[in-house]
Amino acid sequence: MDDELLELQKQFEFAQQAKSSIRLPERNVVELVQKLQEIHIIDFDLLHTVSGK
């Protein structure tokens, strides 16, 4: 189990550091998250920052 968790952590770190040539405008990201909440794919409360990001 620990080896599997370490491998997933490495994959996650690699994915976070990868550069993407595709950028979504902030409004599109907000709409996407709202839609995912509506169809219950995201079924947890989101935390918001002071800046709204």
PDB file of N, CA and C in Angstrom:
ATOM      1  N   MET A   1       0.827  -1.197   0.000  1.00  0.00           N
ATOM      2  CA  MET A   1       0.000   0.000   0.000  1.00  0.00           C
ATOM      3  C   MET A   1       0.867   1.256   0.000  1.00  0.00           C
ATOM      4  N   ASP A   2       1.925   1.270   0.800  1.00  0.00           N
ATOM      5  CA  ASP A   2       2.794   2.441   0.861  1.00  0.00           C
ATOM      6  C   ASP A   2       3.474   2.701  -0.478  1.00  0.00           C
ATOM      7  N   ASP A   3       3.894   1.638  -1.170  1.00  0.00           N
ATOM      8  CA  ASP A   3       4.537   1.799  -2.473  1.00  0.00           C
ATOM      9  C   ASP A   3       3.559   2.383  -3.486  1.00  0.00           C
ATOM     10  N   GLU A   4       2.320   1.930  -3.419  1.00  0.00           N
ATOM     11  CA  GLU A   4       1.301   2.438  -4.332  1.00  0.00           C
ATOM     12  C   GLU A   4       1.039   3.919  -4.071  1.00  0.00           C
ATOM     13  N   LEU A   5       0.977   4.292  -2.808  1.00  0.00           N
ATOM     14  CA  LEU A   5       0.754   5.690  -2.448  1.00  0.00           C
ATOM     15  C   LEU A   5       1.917   6.565  -2.905  1.00  0.00           C
ATOM     16  N   LEU A   6       3.128   6.107  -2.724  1.00  0.00           N
ATOM     17  CA  LEU A   6       4.301   6.863  -3.166  1.00  0.00           C
ATOM     18  C   LEU A   6       4.300   7.049  -4.682  1.00  0.00           C
ATOM     19  N   GLU A   7       3.917   6.007  -5.403  1.00  0.00           N
ATOM     20  CA  GLU A   7       3.857   6.105  -6.861  1.00  0.00           C
ATOM     21  C   GLU A   7       2.802   7.120  -7.292  1.00  0.00           C
ATOM     22  N   LEU A   8       1.649   7.103  -6.638  1.00  0.00           N
ATOM     23  CA  LEU A   8       0.602   8.077  -6.957  1.00  0.00           C
ATOM     24  C   LEU A   8       1.050   9.500  -6.639  1.00  0.00           C
ATOM     25  N   GLN A   9       1.791   9.672  -5.550  1.00  0.00           N
ATOM     26  CA  GLN A   9       2.300  10.997  -5.197  1.00  0.00           C
ATOM     27  C   GLN A   9       3.287  11.487  -6.261  1.00  0.00           C
ATOM     28  N   LYS A  10       4.130  10.600  -6.760  1.00  0.00           N
ATOM     29  CA  LYS A  10       5.087  10.970  -7.806  1.00  0.00           C
ATOM     30  C   LYS A  10       4.359  11.360  -9.085  1.00  0.00           C
ATOM     31  N   GLN A  11       3.339  10.600  -9.447  1.00  0.00           N
ATOM     32  CA  GLN A  11       2.567  10.903 -10.648  1.00  0.00           C
ATOM     33  C   GLN A  11       1.852  12.245 -10.509  1.00  0.00           C
ATOM     34  N   PHE A  12       1.308  12.506  -9.324  1.00  0.00           N
ATOM     35  CA  PHE A  12       0.613  13.767  -9.073  1.00  0.00           C
ATOM     36  C   PHE A  12       1.577  14.944  -9.180  1.00  0.00           C
ATOM     37  N   GLU A  13       2.747  14.811  -8.597  1.00  0.00           N
ATOM     38  CA  GLU A  13       3.751  15.872  -8.654  1.00  0.00           C
ATOM     39  C   GLU A  13       4.169  16.143 -10.097  1.00  0.00           C
ATOM     40  N   PHE A  14       4.367  15.068 -10.872  1.00  0.00           N
ATOM     41  CA  PHE A  14       4.737  15.220 -12.277  1.00  0.00           C
ATOM     42  C   PHE A  14       3.638  15.950 -13.045  1.00  0.00           C
ATOM     43  N   ALA A  15       2.385  15.590 -12.803  1.00  0.00           N
ATOM     44  CA  ALA A  15       1.258  16.229 -13.495  1.00  0.00           C
ATOM     45  C   ALA A  15       1.155  17.701 -13.141  1.00  0.00           C
ATOM     46  N   GLN A  16       1.437  18.055 -11.896  1.00  0.00           N
ATOM     47  CA  GLN A  16       1.367  19.456 -11.479  1.00  0.00           C
ATOM     48  C   GLN A  16       2.459  20.295 -12.122  1.00  0.00           C
ATOM     49  N   GLN A  17       3.616  19.693 -12.364  1.00  0.00           N
ATOM     50  CA  GLN A  17       4.737  20.442 -12.911  1.00  0.00           C
ATOM     51  C   GLN A  17       4.714  20.517 -14.436  1.00  0.00           C
ATOM     52  N   ALA A  18       3.897  19.704 -15.073  1.00  0.00           N
ATOM     53  CA  ALA A  18       3.821  19.696 -16.529  1.00  0.00           C
ATOM     54  C   ALA A  18       3.228  21.015 -17.023  1.00  0.00           C
ATOM     55  N   LYS A  19       3.788  21.533 -18.089  1.00  0.00           N
ATOM     56  CA  LYS A  19       3.303  22.768 -18.689  1.00  0.00           C
ATOM     57  C   LYS A  19       2.263  22.417 -19.754  1.00  0.00           C
ATOM     58  N   SER A  20       1.208  23.197 -19.777  1.00  0.00           N
ATOM     59  CA  SER A  20       0.139  22.969 -20.737  1.00  0.00           C
ATOM     60  C   SER A  20       0.095  24.117 -21.732  1.00  0.00           C
ATOM     61  N   SER A  21      -0.144  23.789 -22.993  1.00  0.00           N
ATOM     62  CA  SER A  21      -0.268  24.832 -24.006  1.00  0.00           C
ATOM     63  C   SER A  21      -1.708  25.332 -24.083  1.00  0.00           C
ATOM     64  N   ILE A  22      -2.609  24.658 -23.389  1.00  0.00           N
ATOM     65  CA  ILE A  22      -4.021  25.032 -23.406  1.00  0.00           C
ATOM     66  C   ILE A  22      -4.348  25.760 -22.106  1.00  0.00           C
ATOM     67  N   ARG A  23      -4.899  26.944 -22.232  1.00  0.00           N
ATOM     68  CA  ARG A  23      -5.280  27.728 -21.065  1.00  0.00           C
ATOM     69  C   ARG A  23      -6.780  27.995 -21.117  1.00  0.00           C
ATOM     70  N   LEU A  24      -7.458  27.761 -20.015  1.00  0.00           N
ATOM     71  CA  LEU A  24      -8.875  28.068 -19.920  1.00  0.00           C
ATOM     72  C   LEU A  24      -9.047  29.398 -19.204  1.00  0.00           C
ATOM     73  N   PRO A  25      -9.913  30.241 -19.719  1.00  0.00           N
ATOM     74  CA  PRO A  25     -10.210  31.482 -18.998  1.00  0.00           C
ATOM     75  C   PRO A  25     -10.836  31.155 -17.633  1.00  0.00           C
ATOM     76  N   GLU A  26     -10.611  32.032 -16.684  1.00  0.00           N
ATOM     77  CA  GLU A  26     -11.099  31.807 -15.320  1.00  0.00           C
ATOM     78  C   GLU A  26     -12.606  31.560 -15.293  1.00  0.00           C
ATOM     79  N   ARG A  27     -13.357  32.295 -16.084  1.00  0.00           N
ATOM     80  CA  ARG A  27     -14.814  32.130 -16.105  1.00  0.00           C
ATOM     81  C   ARG A  27     -15.200  30.727 -16.567  1.00  0.00           C
ATOM     82  N   ASN A  28     -14.475  30.178 -17.543  1.00  0.00           N
ATOM     83  CA  ASN A  28     -14.767  28.822 -18.018  1.00  0.00           C
ATOM     84  C   ASN A  28     -14.503  27.787 -16.932  1.00  0.00           C
ATOM     85  N   VAL A  29     -13.451  28.000 -16.162  1.00  0.00           N
ATOM     86  CA  VAL A  29     -13.127  27.072 -15.078  1.00  0.00           C
ATOM     87  C   VAL A  29     -14.229  27.110 -14.027  1.00  0.00           C
ATOM     88  N   VAL A  30     -14.707  28.301 -13.697  1.00  0.00           N
ATOM     89  CA  VAL A  30     -15.790  28.446 -12.712  1.00  0.00           C
ATOM     90  C   VAL A  30     -17.033  27.711 -13.197  1.00  0.00           C
ATOM     91  N   GLU A  31     -17.390  27.912 -14.463  1.00  0.00           N
ATOM     92  CA  GLU A  31     -18.571  27.254 -15.022  1.00  0.00           C
ATOM     93  C   GLU A  31     -18.403  25.729 -15.034  1.00  0.00           C
ATOM     94  N   LEU A  32     -17.215  25.266 -15.337  1.00  0.00           N
ATOM     95  CA  LEU A  32     -16.938  23.828 -15.350  1.00  0.00           C
ATOM     96  C   LEU A  32     -17.099  23.225 -13.959  1.00  0.00           C
ATOM     97  N   VAL A  33     -16.550  23.884 -12.954  1.00  0.00           N
ATOM     98  CA  VAL A  33     -16.661  23.391 -11.579  1.00  0.00           C
ATOM     99  C   VAL A  33     -18.115  23.399 -11.128  1.00  0.00           C
ATOM    100  N   GLN A  34     -18.851  24.452 -11.471  1.00  0.00           N
ATOM    101  CA  GLN A  34     -20.267  24.516 -11.103  1.00  0.00           C
ATOM    102  C   GLN A  34     -21.049  23.378 -11.747  1.00  0.00           C
ATOM    103  N   LYS A  35     -20.761  23.087 -13.005  1.00  0.00           N
ATOM    104  CA  LYS A  35     -21.455  22.001 -13.693  1.00  0.00           C
ATOM    105  C   LYS A  35     -21.110  20.650 -13.056  1.00  0.00           C
ATOM    106  N   LEU A  36     -19.856  20.441 -12.695  1.00  0.00           N
ATOM    107  CA  LEU A  36     -19.451  19.198 -12.035  1.00  0.00           C
ATOM    108  C   LEU A  36     -20.149  19.029 -10.692  1.00  0.00           C
ATOM    109  N   GLN A  37     -20.382  20.146  -9.993  1.00  0.00           N
ATOM    110  CA  GLN A  37     -21.127  20.088  -8.743  1.00  0.00           C
ATOM    111  C   GLN A  37     -22.593  19.748  -9.000  1.00  0.00           C
ATOM    112  N   GLU A  38     -23.170  20.316 -10.035  1.00  0.00           N
ATOM    113  CA  GLU A  38     -24.575  20.062 -10.358  1.00  0.00           C
ATOM    114  C   GLU A  38     -24.838  18.590 -10.660  1.00  0.00           C
ATOM    115  N   ILE A  39     -23.907  17.956 -11.357  1.00  0.00           N
ATOM    116  CA  ILE A  39     -24.111  16.548 -11.722  1.00  0.00           C
ATOM    117  C   ILE A  39     -23.458  15.598 -10.718  1.00  0.00           C
ATOM    118  N   HIS A  40     -23.057  16.165  -9.576  1.00  0.00           N
ATOM    119  CA  HIS A  40     -22.560  15.407  -8.422  1.00  0.00           C
ATOM    120  C   HIS A  40     -21.280  14.619  -8.693  1.00  0.00           C
ATOM    121  N   ILE A  41     -20.450  15.113  -9.593  1.00  0.00           N
ATOM    122  CA  ILE A  41     -19.116  14.528  -9.746  1.00  0.00           C
ATOM    123  C   ILE A  41     -18.222  15.080  -8.643  1.00  0.00           C
ATOM    124  N   ILE A  42     -18.385  16.368  -8.353  1.00  0.00           N
ATOM    125  CA  ILE A  42     -17.720  16.974  -7.196  1.00  0.00           C
ATOM    126  C   ILE A  42     -18.774  16.997  -6.100  1.00  0.00           C
ATOM    127  N   ASP A  43     -18.605  16.120  -5.118  1.00  0.00           N
ATOM    128  CA  ASP A  43     -19.622  16.000  -4.069  1.00  0.00           C
ATOM    129  C   ASP A  43     -19.085  16.408  -2.700  1.00  0.00           C
ATOM    130  N   PHE A  44     -18.225  17.415  -2.714  1.00  0.00           N
ATOM    131  CA  PHE A  44     -17.690  17.937  -1.454  1.00  0.00           C
ATOM    132  C   PHE A  44     -17.731  19.457  -1.514  1.00  0.00           C
ATOM    133  N   ASP A  45     -17.647  20.087  -0.361  1.00  0.00           N
ATOM    134  CA  ASP A  45     -17.672  21.544  -0.293  1.00  0.00           C
ATOM    135  C   ASP A  45     -16.345  22.105  -0.778  1.00  0.00           C
ATOM    136  N   LEU A  46     -16.417  23.162  -1.553  1.00  0.00           N
ATOM    137  CA  LEU A  46     -15.216  23.842  -2.008  1.00  0.00           C
ATOM    138  C   LEU A  46     -14.888  24.977  -1.062  1.00  0.00           C
ATOM    139  N   LEU A  47     -13.615  25.217  -0.862  1.00  0.00           N
ATOM    140  CA  LEU A  47     -13.169  26.326  -0.030  1.00  0.00           C
ATOM    141  C   LEU A  47     -12.784  27.481  -0.941  1.00  0.00           C
ATOM    142  N   HIS A  48     -13.221  28.675  -0.610  1.00  0.00           N
ATOM    143  CA  HIS A  48     -12.935  29.847  -1.421  1.00  0.00           C
ATOM    144  C   HIS A  48     -11.962  30.752  -0.693  1.00  0.00           C
ATOM    145  N   THR A  49     -11.126  31.419  -1.448  1.00  0.00           N
ATOM    146  CA  THR A  49     -10.167  32.356  -0.879  1.00  0.00           C
ATOM    147  C   THR A  49     -10.748  33.765  -0.920  1.00  0.00           C
ATOM    148  N   VAL A  50     -10.059  34.698  -0.324  1.00  0.00           N
ATOM    149  CA  VAL A  50     -10.493  36.095  -0.326  1.00  0.00           C
ATOM    150  C   VAL A  50     -10.512  36.630  -1.758  1.00  0.00           C
ATOM    151  N   SER A  51      -9.537  36.210  -2.570  1.00  0.00           N
ATOM    152  CA  SER A  51      -9.460  36.699  -3.947  1.00  0.00           C
ATOM    153  C   SER A  51     -10.438  35.980  -4.864  1.00  0.00           C
ATOM    154  N   GLY A  52     -11.060  34.923  -4.396  1.00  0.00           N
ATOM    155  CA  GLY A  52     -12.010  34.181  -5.214  1.00  0.00           C
ATOM    156  C   GLY A  52     -11.371  33.134  -6.099  1.00  0.00           C
ATOM    157  N   LYS A  53     -10.069  32.938  -5.968  1.00  0.00           N
ATOM    158  CA  LYS A  53      -9.373  31.951  -6.801  1.00  0.00           C
ATOM    159  C   LYS A  53      -9.105  30.689  -6.033  1.00  0.00           C
TER     160      LYS A  53
END
